Amino acid sequence: MALGRFSLRKPGQQPVPMAPAAPLLSGKPKAGQSDVNVADAESQTQKRRLLTAKLRIHRRLIDEINLAAMDKMPEKEVRVQI
């Protein structure tokens, strides 16, 4: 198995199992907490949408930018182009 240069595992070492993530909304809400849970759920949804938009923009930039040409450009010109 080949590992990336940023991997912390050593050859022959097994990956450490991760604990399952806690659910965002669990159990029945207590009196007065349902509004808080709804706000938390909406906040999580908004964060997920923002992350999706950022990833989509990043992918598009990587696809459209000629990295070899950009490497030879002065920093000011790169900032203007982007």
N, C-alpha and C. Protein backbone atom coordinates (compact mmCIF):
# COMPACT_ATOMS: atom_id res chain seq x y z
N MET A 1 0.83 -1.16 0.00
CA MET A 1 0.00 0.00 0.00
C MET A 1 0.89 1.24 0.00
N ALA A 2 0.68 2.11 -0.96
CA ALA A 2 1.47 3.35 -1.03
C ALA A 2 0.74 4.45 -0.27
N LEU A 3 1.49 5.21 0.47
CA LEU A 3 0.92 6.30 1.25
C LEU A 3 1.39 7.62 0.68
N GLY A 4 0.58 8.66 0.85
CA GLY A 4 0.95 9.99 0.41
C GLY A 4 2.04 10.57 1.27
N ARG A 5 2.63 11.62 0.83
CA ARG A 5 3.73 12.21 1.57
C ARG A 5 3.27 12.89 2.85
N PHE A 6 1.97 13.09 3.00
CA PHE A 6 1.46 13.72 4.21
C PHE A 6 0.89 12.70 5.20
N SER A 7 1.07 11.44 4.92
CA SER A 7 0.55 10.40 5.79
C SER A 7 1.42 10.27 7.03
N LEU A 8 0.77 10.02 8.17
CA LEU A 8 1.50 9.87 9.41
C LEU A 8 1.76 8.41 9.75
N ARG A 9 1.12 7.49 9.04
CA ARG A 9 1.31 6.08 9.34
C ARG A 9 2.63 5.58 8.78
N LYS A 10 3.20 4.64 9.50
CA LYS A 10 4.43 4.01 9.05
C LYS A 10 4.08 2.73 8.28
N PRO A 11 4.94 2.26 7.37
CA PRO A 11 4.66 1.03 6.63
C PRO A 11 4.37 -0.12 7.59
N GLY A 12 3.33 -0.88 7.31
CA GLY A 12 2.95 -2.02 8.12
C GLY A 12 2.07 -1.67 9.30
N GLN A 13 1.86 -0.39 9.57
CA GLN A 13 1.03 0.03 10.69
C GLN A 13 -0.43 0.05 10.25
N GLN A 14 -1.31 -0.48 11.10
CA GLN A 14 -2.73 -0.53 10.79
C GLN A 14 -3.38 0.81 11.13
N PRO A 15 -4.40 1.23 10.36
CA PRO A 15 -5.08 2.49 10.67
C PRO A 15 -5.83 2.37 11.99
N VAL A 16 -5.89 3.48 12.71
CA VAL A 16 -6.59 3.51 13.99
C VAL A 16 -8.08 3.73 13.71
N PRO A 17 -8.95 2.84 14.24
CA PRO A 17 -10.39 3.03 14.00
C PRO A 17 -10.89 4.29 14.69
N MET A 18 -11.78 4.99 14.02
CA MET A 18 -12.33 6.22 14.57
C MET A 18 -13.66 5.94 15.25
N ALA A 19 -13.96 6.69 16.29
CA ALA A 19 -15.24 6.56 16.96
C ALA A 19 -16.32 7.15 16.06
N PRO A 20 -17.54 6.58 16.08
CA PRO A 20 -18.60 7.13 15.25
C PRO A 20 -18.96 8.54 15.69
N ALA A 21 -19.30 9.36 14.73
CA ALA A 21 -19.65 10.75 15.03
C ALA A 21 -21.03 10.80 15.69
N ALA A 22 -21.19 11.73 16.59
CA ALA A 22 -22.49 11.91 17.25
C ALA A 22 -23.46 12.53 16.26
N PRO A 23 -24.72 12.11 16.28
CA PRO A 23 -25.71 12.71 15.37
C PRO A 23 -25.94 14.17 15.72
N LEU A 24 -26.28 14.97 14.71
CA LEU A 24 -26.53 16.38 14.94
C LEU A 24 -27.74 16.60 15.84
N LEU A 25 -28.78 15.85 15.57
CA LEU A 25 -29.99 15.95 16.36
C LEU A 25 -30.30 14.57 16.92
N SER A 26 -30.25 14.42 18.22
CA SER A 26 -30.52 13.11 18.78
C SER A 26 -31.53 13.22 19.92
N GLY A 27 -32.35 12.21 20.05
CA GLY A 27 -33.31 12.16 21.14
C GLY A 27 -34.46 13.13 20.93
N LYS A 28 -35.35 13.14 21.91
CA LYS A 28 -36.49 14.05 21.85
C LYS A 28 -36.09 15.40 22.43
N PRO A 29 -36.55 16.48 21.81
CA PRO A 29 -36.21 17.79 22.35
C PRO A 29 -36.93 18.04 23.67
N LYS A 30 -36.27 18.73 24.58
CA LYS A 30 -36.90 19.12 25.84
C LYS A 30 -37.76 20.34 25.58
N ALA A 31 -38.56 20.70 26.53
CA ALA A 31 -39.44 21.85 26.38
C ALA A 31 -38.62 23.10 26.08
N GLY A 32 -38.95 23.80 24.99
CA GLY A 32 -38.26 25.02 24.62
C GLY A 32 -36.98 24.80 23.82
N GLN A 33 -36.58 23.56 23.59
CA GLN A 33 -35.35 23.30 22.85
C GLN A 33 -35.59 23.03 21.38
N SER A 34 -36.83 22.81 20.98
CA SER A 34 -37.06 22.47 19.57
C SER A 34 -36.65 23.61 18.65
N ASP A 35 -36.87 24.86 19.08
CA ASP A 35 -36.46 26.00 18.26
C ASP A 35 -34.95 26.05 18.11
N VAL A 36 -34.23 25.71 19.18
CA VAL A 36 -32.77 25.71 19.15
C VAL A 36 -32.28 24.62 18.19
N ASN A 37 -32.90 23.44 18.26
CA ASN A 37 -32.50 22.34 17.37
C ASN A 37 -32.78 22.68 15.92
N VAL A 38 -33.90 23.33 15.66
CA VAL A 38 -34.23 23.74 14.28
C VAL A 38 -33.20 24.75 13.79
N ALA A 39 -32.83 25.70 14.65
CA ALA A 39 -31.83 26.70 14.27
C ALA A 39 -30.49 26.03 14.01
N ASP A 40 -30.12 25.05 14.85
CA ASP A 40 -28.87 24.32 14.65
C ASP A 40 -28.89 23.55 13.33
N ALA A 41 -30.01 22.91 13.04
CA ALA A 41 -30.14 22.15 11.79
C ALA A 41 -30.04 23.08 10.59
N GLU A 42 -30.69 24.25 10.68
CA GLU A 42 -30.63 25.22 9.58
C GLU A 42 -29.21 25.75 9.42
N SER A 43 -28.52 25.97 10.52
CA SER A 43 -27.14 26.44 10.48
C SER A 43 -26.24 25.40 9.82
N GLN A 44 -26.43 24.14 10.18
CA GLN A 44 -25.64 23.06 9.58
C GLN A 44 -25.92 22.96 8.08
N THR A 45 -27.19 23.10 7.70
CA THR A 45 -27.54 23.05 6.27
C THR A 45 -26.89 24.19 5.52
N GLN A 46 -26.91 25.39 6.12
CA GLN A 46 -26.30 26.55 5.48
C GLN A 46 -24.79 26.36 5.35
N LYS A 47 -24.14 25.83 6.38
CA LYS A 47 -22.70 25.57 6.32
C LYS A 47 -22.38 24.55 5.23
N ARG A 48 -23.21 23.51 5.11
CA ARG A 48 -22.99 22.48 4.10
C ARG A 48 -23.12 23.07 2.70
N ARG A 49 -24.13 23.93 2.50
CA ARG A 49 -24.33 24.57 1.18
C ARG A 49 -23.16 25.49 0.85
N LEU A 50 -22.68 26.24 1.84
CA LEU A 50 -21.55 27.13 1.61
C LEU A 50 -20.30 26.34 1.24
N LEU A 51 -20.05 25.24 1.95
CA LEU A 51 -18.90 24.40 1.64
C LEU A 51 -19.02 23.82 0.23
N THR A 52 -20.21 23.38 -0.15
CA THR A 52 -20.42 22.85 -1.49
C THR A 52 -20.13 23.91 -2.54
N ALA A 53 -20.58 25.14 -2.30
CA ALA A 53 -20.32 26.23 -3.26
C ALA A 53 -18.83 26.52 -3.35
N LYS A 54 -18.14 26.55 -2.21
CA LYS A 54 -16.69 26.79 -2.22
C LYS A 54 -15.95 25.71 -2.99
N LEU A 55 -16.35 24.46 -2.77
CA LEU A 55 -15.70 23.35 -3.48
C LEU A 55 -15.94 23.43 -4.98
N ARG A 56 -17.15 23.81 -5.35
CA ARG A 56 -17.48 23.92 -6.78
C ARG A 56 -16.65 25.03 -7.43
N ILE A 57 -16.51 26.17 -6.76
CA ILE A 57 -15.70 27.27 -7.28
C ILE A 57 -14.23 26.86 -7.37
N HIS A 58 -13.73 26.19 -6.35
CA HIS A 58 -12.34 25.75 -6.33
C HIS A 58 -12.07 24.79 -7.49
N ARG A 59 -12.96 23.81 -7.69
CA ARG A 59 -12.78 22.86 -8.80
C ARG A 59 -12.76 23.58 -10.14
N ARG A 60 -13.66 24.56 -10.31
CA ARG A 60 -13.72 25.29 -11.57
C ARG A 60 -12.44 26.09 -11.81
N LEU A 61 -11.93 26.74 -10.76
CA LEU A 61 -10.68 27.49 -10.89
C LEU A 61 -9.52 26.57 -11.26
N ILE A 62 -9.42 25.43 -10.62
CA ILE A 62 -8.34 24.49 -10.91
C ILE A 62 -8.44 24.00 -12.34
N ASP A 63 -9.67 23.74 -12.81
CA ASP A 63 -9.86 23.26 -14.18
C ASP A 63 -9.49 24.32 -15.22
N GLU A 64 -9.77 25.59 -14.91
CA GLU A 64 -9.59 26.65 -15.90
C GLU A 64 -8.21 27.31 -15.87
N ILE A 65 -7.49 27.19 -14.78
CA ILE A 65 -6.20 27.88 -14.66
C ILE A 65 -5.08 27.01 -15.24
N ASN A 66 -4.25 27.62 -16.04
CA ASN A 66 -3.08 26.95 -16.57
C ASN A 66 -1.97 27.12 -15.54
N LEU A 67 -1.78 26.10 -14.71
CA LEU A 67 -0.84 26.21 -13.60
C LEU A 67 0.60 26.40 -14.05
N ALA A 68 0.98 25.81 -15.18
CA ALA A 68 2.35 25.96 -15.68
C ALA A 68 2.61 27.41 -16.07
N ALA A 69 1.65 28.05 -16.73
CA ALA A 69 1.81 29.44 -17.13
C ALA A 69 1.76 30.36 -15.90
N MET A 70 0.91 30.02 -14.95
CA MET A 70 0.77 30.84 -13.76
C MET A 70 2.04 30.83 -12.92
N ASP A 71 2.74 29.72 -12.94
CA ASP A 71 3.98 29.60 -12.18
C ASP A 71 5.04 30.58 -12.67
N LYS A 72 4.97 30.95 -13.94
CA LYS A 72 5.98 31.84 -14.53
C LYS A 72 5.56 33.31 -14.48
N MET A 73 4.32 33.58 -14.07
CA MET A 73 3.81 34.95 -14.03
C MET A 73 4.21 35.65 -12.73
N PRO A 74 4.37 36.97 -12.78
CA PRO A 74 4.62 37.72 -11.55
C PRO A 74 3.38 37.66 -10.64
N GLU A 75 3.60 37.76 -9.34
CA GLU A 75 2.50 37.61 -8.38
C GLU A 75 1.39 38.64 -8.60
N LYS A 76 1.76 39.88 -8.92
CA LYS A 76 0.74 40.92 -9.15
C LYS A 76 -0.19 40.53 -10.29
N GLU A 77 0.39 40.02 -11.37
CA GLU A 77 -0.43 39.65 -12.53
C GLU A 77 -1.33 38.46 -12.20
N VAL A 78 -0.82 37.51 -11.41
CA VAL A 78 -1.64 36.37 -11.00
C VAL A 78 -2.85 36.86 -10.21
N ARG A 79 -2.62 37.78 -9.29
CA ARG A 79 -3.73 38.30 -8.46
C ARG A 79 -4.77 39.03 -9.33
N VAL A 80 -4.31 39.77 -10.35
CA VAL A 80 -5.23 40.47 -11.24
C VAL A 80 -6.05 39.47 -12.04
N GLN A 81 -5.41 38.41 -12.53
CA GLN A 81 -6.08 37.42 -13.35
C GLN A 81 -7.13 36.64 -12.57
N ILE A 82 -6.82 36.34 -11.33
CA ILE A 82 -7.76 35.56 -10.52
C ILE A 82 -8.80 36.47 -9.94
